[in-house]
PDB file of N, CA and C in Angstrom:
ATOM      1  N   MET A   1      31.114  13.808  52.869  1.00  0.00           N
ATOM      2  CA  MET A   1      31.816  13.387  54.065  1.00  0.00           C
ATOM      3  C   MET A   1      33.172  12.759  53.718  1.00  0.00           C
ATOM      4  N   PHE A   2      33.775  13.185  52.637  1.00  0.00           N
ATOM      5  CA  PHE A   2      35.050  12.632  52.185  1.00  0.00           C
ATOM      6  C   PHE A   2      36.139  12.755  53.249  1.00  0.00           C
ATOM      7  N   ASP A   3      36.229  13.912  53.870  1.00  0.00           N
ATOM      8  CA  ASP A   3      37.271  14.140  54.871  1.00  0.00           C
ATOM      9  C   ASP A   3      36.712  14.188  56.297  1.00  0.00           C
ATOM     10  N   GLY A   4      35.506  13.688  56.496  1.00  0.00           N
ATOM     11  CA  GLY A   4      34.892  13.695  57.818  1.00  0.00           C
ATOM     12  C   GLY A   4      34.021  14.906  58.074  1.00  0.00           C
ATOM     13  N   THR A   5      34.010  15.840  57.146  1.00  0.00           N
ATOM     14  CA  THR A   5      33.139  17.011  57.258  1.00  0.00           C
ATOM     15  C   THR A   5      32.209  17.028  56.046  1.00  0.00           C
ATOM     16  N   ASP A   6      31.224  17.899  56.073  1.00  0.00           N
ATOM     17  CA  ASP A   6      30.328  17.995  54.917  1.00  0.00           C
ATOM     18  C   ASP A   6      30.750  19.101  53.958  1.00  0.00           C
ATOM     19  N   ALA A   7      31.987  19.610  54.122  1.00  0.00           N
ATOM     20  CA  ALA A   7      32.383  20.794  53.358  1.00  0.00           C
ATOM     21  C   ALA A   7      33.598  20.582  52.465  1.00  0.00           C
ATOM     22  N   HIS A   8      33.983  19.358  52.183  1.00  0.00           N
ATOM     23  CA  HIS A   8      35.171  19.161  51.352  1.00  0.00           C
ATOM     24  C   HIS A   8      34.944  19.670  49.924  1.00  0.00           C
ATOM     25  N   TYR A   9      33.842  19.314  49.325  1.00  0.00           N
ATOM     26  CA  TYR A   9      33.515  19.773  47.964  1.00  0.00           C
ATOM     27  C   TYR A   9      32.260  20.644  47.923  1.00  0.00           C
ATOM     28  N   PHE A  10      31.552  20.722  49.026  1.00  0.00           N
ATOM     29  CA  PHE A  10      30.246  21.386  49.045  1.00  0.00           C
ATOM     30  C   PHE A  10      30.234  22.538  50.041  1.00  0.00           C
ATOM     31  N   HIS A  11      29.260  23.415  49.873  1.00  0.00           N
ATOM     32  CA  HIS A  11      29.049  24.471  50.855  1.00  0.00           C
ATOM     33  C   HIS A  11      28.589  23.838  52.164  1.00  0.00           C
ATOM     34  N   THR A  12      28.831  24.509  53.265  1.00  0.00           N
ATOM     35  CA  THR A  12      28.419  23.989  54.565  1.00  0.00           C
ATOM     36  C   THR A  12      26.989  24.402  54.901  1.00  0.00           C
ATOM     37  N   GLY A  13      26.392  23.661  55.805  1.00  0.00           N
ATOM     38  CA  GLY A  13      25.065  24.000  56.314  1.00  0.00           C
ATOM     39  C   GLY A  13      23.984  23.974  55.255  1.00  0.00           C
ATOM     40  N   SER A  14      22.971  24.786  55.476  1.00  0.00           N
ATOM     41  CA  SER A  14      21.825  24.805  54.556  1.00  0.00           C
ATOM     42  C   SER A  14      22.203  25.355  53.181  1.00  0.00           C
ATOM     43  N   ARG A  15      23.248  26.160  53.126  1.00  0.00           N
ATOM     44  CA  ARG A  15      23.716  26.696  51.833  1.00  0.00           C
ATOM     45  C   ARG A  15      24.196  25.576  50.908  1.00  0.00           C
ATOM     46  N   GLY A  16      24.623  24.475  51.461  1.00  0.00           N
ATOM     47  CA  GLY A  16      25.155  23.368  50.677  1.00  0.00           C
ATOM     48  C   GLY A  16      24.145  22.289  50.346  1.00  0.00           C
ATOM     49  N   HIS A  17      22.875  22.539  50.611  1.00  0.00           N
ATOM     50  CA  HIS A  17      21.854  21.517  50.356  1.00  0.00           C
ATOM     51  C   HIS A  17      20.721  22.094  49.524  1.00  0.00           C
ATOM     52  N   HIS A  18      20.384  21.419  48.441  1.00  0.00           N
ATOM     53  CA  HIS A  18      19.263  21.826  47.586  1.00  0.00           C
ATOM     54  C   HIS A  18      18.037  21.043  48.046  1.00  0.00           C
ATOM     55  N   SER A  19      17.171  21.694  48.793  1.00  0.00           N
ATOM     56  CA  SER A  19      16.051  20.994  49.424  1.00  0.00           C
ATOM     57  C   SER A  19      15.043  20.437  48.423  1.00  0.00           C
ATOM     58  N   VAL A  20      14.857  21.084  47.289  1.00  0.00           N
ATOM     59  CA  VAL A  20      13.889  20.620  46.299  1.00  0.00           C
ATOM     60  C   VAL A  20      14.370  19.328  45.641  1.00  0.00           C
ATOM     61  N   TRP A  21      15.644  19.241  45.364  1.00  0.00           N
ATOM     62  CA  TRP A  21      16.202  18.066  44.683  1.00  0.00           C
ATOM     63  C   TRP A  21      16.828  17.063  45.643  1.00  0.00           C
ATOM     64  N   ASP A  22      16.907  17.414  46.923  1.00  0.00           N
ATOM     65  CA  ASP A  22      17.556  16.579  47.930  1.00  0.00           C
ATOM     66  C   ASP A  22      18.969  16.205  47.476  1.00  0.00           C
ATOM     67  N   SER A  23      19.739  17.224  47.122  1.00  0.00           N
ATOM     68  CA  SER A  23      21.108  17.008  46.653  1.00  0.00           C
ATOM     69  C   SER A  23      22.025  18.059  47.267  1.00  0.00           C
ATOM     70  N   ARG A  24      23.303  17.884  47.076  1.00  0.00           N
ATOM     71  CA  ARG A  24      24.302  18.805  47.609  1.00  0.00           C
ATOM     72  C   ARG A  24      24.667  19.837  46.550  1.00  0.00           C
ATOM     73  N   LEU A  25      25.197  20.987  46.997  1.00  0.00           N
ATOM     74  CA  LEU A  25      25.600  22.072  46.109  1.00  0.00           C
ATOM     75  C   LEU A  25      27.113  22.255  46.179  1.00  0.00           C
ATOM     76  N   PHE A  26      27.770  22.066  45.046  1.00  0.00           N
ATOM     77  CA  PHE A  26      29.214  22.235  44.980  1.00  0.00           C
ATOM     78  C   PHE A  26      29.613  23.665  45.320  1.00  0.00           C
ATOM     79  N   ASN A  27      30.775  23.799  45.920  1.00  0.00           N
ATOM     80  CA  ASN A  27      31.359  25.105  46.183  1.00  0.00           C
ATOM     81  C   ASN A  27      32.245  25.446  44.984  1.00  0.00           C
ATOM     82  N   TYR A  28      31.685  26.080  43.969  1.00  0.00           N
ATOM     83  CA  TYR A  28      32.405  26.373  42.732  1.00  0.00           C
ATOM     84  C   TYR A  28      33.536  27.378  42.924  1.00  0.00           C
ATOM     85  N   GLY A  29      33.592  28.034  44.057  1.00  0.00           N
ATOM     86  CA  GLY A  29      34.664  28.970  44.344  1.00  0.00           C
ATOM     87  C   GLY A  29      35.933  28.289  44.826  1.00  0.00           C
ATOM     88  N   SER A  30      35.864  26.989  45.042  1.00  0.00           N
ATOM     89  CA  SER A  30      37.014  26.233  45.532  1.00  0.00           C
ATOM     90  C   SER A  30      37.819  25.655  44.369  1.00  0.00           C
ATOM     91  N   TRP A  31      39.126  25.850  44.416  1.00  0.00           N
ATOM     92  CA  TRP A  31      40.009  25.336  43.376  1.00  0.00           C
ATOM     93  C   TRP A  31      39.910  23.822  43.292  1.00  0.00           C
ATOM     94  N   GLU A  32      39.826  23.147  44.436  1.00  0.00           N
ATOM     95  CA  GLU A  32      39.745  21.688  44.462  1.00  0.00           C
ATOM     96  C   GLU A  32      38.479  21.181  43.773  1.00  0.00           C
ATOM     97  N   VAL A  33      37.379  21.887  43.961  1.00  0.00           N
ATOM     98  CA  VAL A  33      36.112  21.506  43.325  1.00  0.00           C
ATOM     99  C   VAL A  33      36.220  21.642  41.816  1.00  0.00           C
ATOM    100  N   LEU A  34      36.768  22.743  41.357  1.00  0.00           N
ATOM    101  CA  LEU A  34      36.905  22.945  39.911  1.00  0.00           C
ATOM    102  C   LEU A  34      37.808  21.889  39.292  1.00  0.00           C
ATOM    103  N   ARG A  35      38.917  21.565  39.946  1.00  0.00           N
ATOM    104  CA  ARG A  35      39.821  20.519  39.445  1.00  0.00           C
ATOM    105  C   ARG A  35      39.114  19.169  39.397  1.00  0.00           C
ATOM    106  N   TYR A  36      38.353  18.853  40.435  1.00  0.00           N
ATOM    107  CA  TYR A  36      37.609  17.591  40.486  1.00  0.00           C
ATOM    108  C   TYR A  36      36.608  17.499  39.339  1.00  0.00           C
ATOM    109  N   LEU A  37      35.822  18.542  39.161  1.00  0.00           N
ATOM    110  CA  LEU A  37      34.795  18.521  38.114  1.00  0.00           C
ATOM    111  C   LEU A  37      35.400  18.465  36.718  1.00  0.00           C
ATOM    112  N   LEU A  38      36.466  19.224  36.488  1.00  0.00           N
ATOM    113  CA  LEU A  38      37.127  19.190  35.182  1.00  0.00           C
ATOM    114  C   LEU A  38      37.781  17.836  34.924  1.00  0.00           C
ATOM    115  N   SER A  39      38.363  17.253  35.942  1.00  0.00           N
ATOM    116  CA  SER A  39      38.973  15.929  35.805  1.00  0.00           C
ATOM    117  C   SER A  39      37.915  14.876  35.483  1.00  0.00           C
ATOM    118  N   TYR A  40      36.786  14.957  36.158  1.00  0.00           N
ATOM    119  CA  TYR A  40      35.696  14.019  35.935  1.00  0.00           C
ATOM    120  C   TYR A  40      35.136  14.164  34.515  1.00  0.00           C
ATOM    121  N   ALA A  41      34.985  15.395  34.071  1.00  0.00           N
ATOM    122  CA  ALA A  41      34.491  15.644  32.707  1.00  0.00           C
ATOM    123  C   ALA A  41      35.471  15.103  31.667  1.00  0.00           C
ATOM    124  N   ARG A  42      36.747  15.318  31.928  1.00  0.00           N
ATOM    125  CA  ARG A  42      37.760  14.813  30.987  1.00  0.00           C
ATOM    126  C   ARG A  42      37.733  13.292  30.920  1.00  0.00           C
ATOM    127  N   TRP A  43      37.561  12.635  32.059  1.00  0.00           N
ATOM    128  CA  TRP A  43      37.491  11.171  32.086  1.00  0.00           C
ATOM    129  C   TRP A  43      36.344  10.673  31.216  1.00  0.00           C
ATOM    130  N   TRP A  44      35.171  11.281  31.356  1.00  0.00           N
ATOM    131  CA  TRP A  44      34.016  10.874  30.538  1.00  0.00           C
ATOM    132  C   TRP A  44      34.307  11.087  29.058  1.00  0.00           C
ATOM    133  N   LEU A  45      34.935  12.194  28.721  1.00  0.00           N
ATOM    134  CA  LEU A  45      35.264  12.504  27.338  1.00  0.00           C
ATOM    135  C   LEU A  45      36.216  11.461  26.756  1.00  0.00           C
ATOM    136  N   GLU A  46      37.254  11.138  27.493  1.00  0.00           N
ATOM    137  CA  GLU A  46      38.241  10.184  26.996  1.00  0.00           C
ATOM    138  C   GLU A  46      37.729   8.747  27.016  1.00  0.00           C
ATOM    139  N   GLU A  47      36.978   8.388  28.033  1.00  0.00           N
ATOM    140  CA  GLU A  47      36.515   7.008  28.189  1.00  0.00           C
ATOM    141  C   GLU A  47      35.387   6.664  27.217  1.00  0.00           C
ATOM    142  N   TYR A  48      34.426   7.569  27.079  1.00  0.00           N
ATOM    143  CA  TYR A  48      33.227   7.272  26.293  1.00  0.00           C
ATOM    144  C   TYR A  48      33.119   8.052  24.989  1.00  0.00           C
ATOM    145  N   LYS A  49      34.069   8.924  24.731  1.00  0.00           N
ATOM    146  CA  LYS A  49      34.139   9.679  23.464  1.00  0.00           C
ATOM    147  C   LYS A  49      32.855  10.463  23.157  1.00  0.00           C
ATOM    148  N   PHE A  50      32.249  11.004  24.198  1.00  0.00           N
ATOM    149  CA  PHE A  50      31.033  11.779  23.961  1.00  0.00           C
ATOM    150  C   PHE A  50      31.409  13.165  23.443  1.00  0.00           C
ATOM    151  N   ASP A  51      30.427  13.872  22.913  1.00  0.00           N
ATOM    152  CA  ASP A  51      30.730  15.160  22.294  1.00  0.00           C
ATOM    153  C   ASP A  51      29.923  16.312  22.875  1.00  0.00           C
ATOM    154  N   GLY A  52      29.372  16.136  24.055  1.00  0.00           N
ATOM    155  CA  GLY A  52      28.637  17.241  24.657  1.00  0.00           C
ATOM    156  C   GLY A  52      28.155  16.908  26.054  1.00  0.00           C
ATOM    157  N   TYR A  53      27.731  17.933  26.742  1.00  0.00           N
ATOM    158  CA  TYR A  53      27.178  17.803  28.087  1.00  0.00           C
ATOM    159  C   TYR A  53      25.730  18.251  28.086  1.00  0.00           C
ATOM    160  N   ARG A  54      24.990  17.727  29.004  1.00  0.00           N
ATOM    161  CA  ARG A  54      23.637  18.217  29.238  1.00  0.00           C
ATOM    162  C   ARG A  54      23.621  18.752  30.666  1.00  0.00           C
ATOM    163  N   PHE A  55      23.327  20.018  30.794  1.00  0.00           N
ATOM    164  CA  PHE A  55      23.336  20.658  32.099  1.00  0.00           C
ATOM    165  C   PHE A  55      21.901  20.856  32.574  1.00  0.00           C
ATOM    166  N   ASP A  56      21.419  19.904  33.328  1.00  0.00           N
ATOM    167  CA  ASP A  56      20.107  20.054  33.953  1.00  0.00           C
ATOM    168  C   ASP A  56      20.253  20.948  35.178  1.00  0.00           C
ATOM    169  N   GLY A  57      19.284  21.769  35.380  1.00  0.00           N
ATOM    170  CA  GLY A  57      19.272  22.565  36.598  1.00  0.00           C
ATOM    171  C   GLY A  57      20.136  23.800  36.589  1.00  0.00           C
ATOM    172  N   VAL A  58      20.564  24.266  35.431  1.00  0.00           N
ATOM    173  CA  VAL A  58      21.396  25.464  35.383  1.00  0.00           C
ATOM    174  C   VAL A  58      20.638  26.657  35.955  1.00  0.00           C
ATOM    175  N   THR A  59      19.369  26.748  35.668  1.00  0.00           N
ATOM    176  CA  THR A  59      18.558  27.843  36.206  1.00  0.00           C
ATOM    177  C   THR A  59      18.550  27.805  37.725  1.00  0.00           C
ATOM    178  N   SER A  60      18.412  26.611  38.265  1.00  0.00           N
ATOM    179  CA  SER A  60      18.414  26.470  39.717  1.00  0.00           C
ATOM    180  C   SER A  60      19.760  26.867  40.301  1.00  0.00           C
ATOM    181  N   MET A  61      20.858  26.472  39.651  1.00  0.00           N
ATOM    182  CA  MET A  61      22.188  26.846  40.138  1.00  0.00           C
ATOM    183  C   MET A  61      22.363  28.357  40.112  1.00  0.00           C
ATOM    184  N   MET A  62      21.899  28.990  39.034  1.00  0.00           N
ATOM    185  CA  MET A  62      22.033  30.438  38.922  1.00  0.00           C
ATOM    186  C   MET A  62      21.205  31.131  40.006  1.00  0.00           C
ATOM    187  N   TYR A  63      20.011  30.599  40.282  1.00  0.00           N
ATOM    188  CA  TYR A  63      19.160  31.169  41.315  1.00  0.00           C
ATOM    189  C   TYR A  63      19.824  31.047  42.678  1.00  0.00           C
ATOM    190  N   LYS A  64      20.361  29.884  42.977  1.00  0.00           N
ATOM    191  CA  LYS A  64      21.012  29.673  44.264  1.00  0.00           C
ATOM    192  C   LYS A  64      22.220  30.584  44.410  1.00  0.00           C
ATOM    193  N   ILE A  65      23.011  30.744  43.350  1.00  0.00           N
ATOM    194  CA  ILE A  65      24.189  31.603  43.398  1.00  0.00           C
ATOM    195  C   ILE A  65      23.781  33.057  43.594  1.00  0.00           C
ATOM    196  N   SER A  66      22.695  33.485  42.954  1.00  0.00           N
ATOM    197  CA  SER A  66      22.257  34.878  43.109  1.00  0.00           C
ATOM    198  C   SER A  66      21.802  35.155  44.531  1.00  0.00           C
ATOM    199  N   LEU A  67      21.299  34.142  45.236  1.00  0.00           N
ATOM    200  CA  LEU A  67      20.892  34.335  46.629  1.00  0.00           C
ATOM    201  C   LEU A  67      22.109  34.504  47.538  1.00  0.00           C
ATOM    202  N   ILE A  68      23.212  33.921  47.151  1.00  0.00           N
ATOM    203  CA  ILE A  68      24.418  33.956  47.950  1.00  0.00           C
ATOM    204  C   ILE A  68      25.067  35.335  47.904  1.00  0.00           C
ATOM    205  N   LYS A  69      25.045  35.964  46.755  1.00  0.00           N
ATOM    206  CA  LYS A  69      25.734  37.253  46.574  1.00  0.00           C
ATOM    207  C   LYS A  69      25.029  38.383  47.243  1.00  0.00           C
TER     208      LYS A  69
END
């Protein structure tokens, strides 16, 4: 609800909600979303000097994306 809608960074409607995890689904096709996520990742890298990411739920993301296409 950043801009008063539920679609600033996420898909709209039921497509934007992961019912099993009770979480939102980013709209990876949006340039703004990609910039936000890359900026956030860079901040963690520079601030905490970590050397890797852990991607939980990649299978779920791939499944959700395959349903969309």
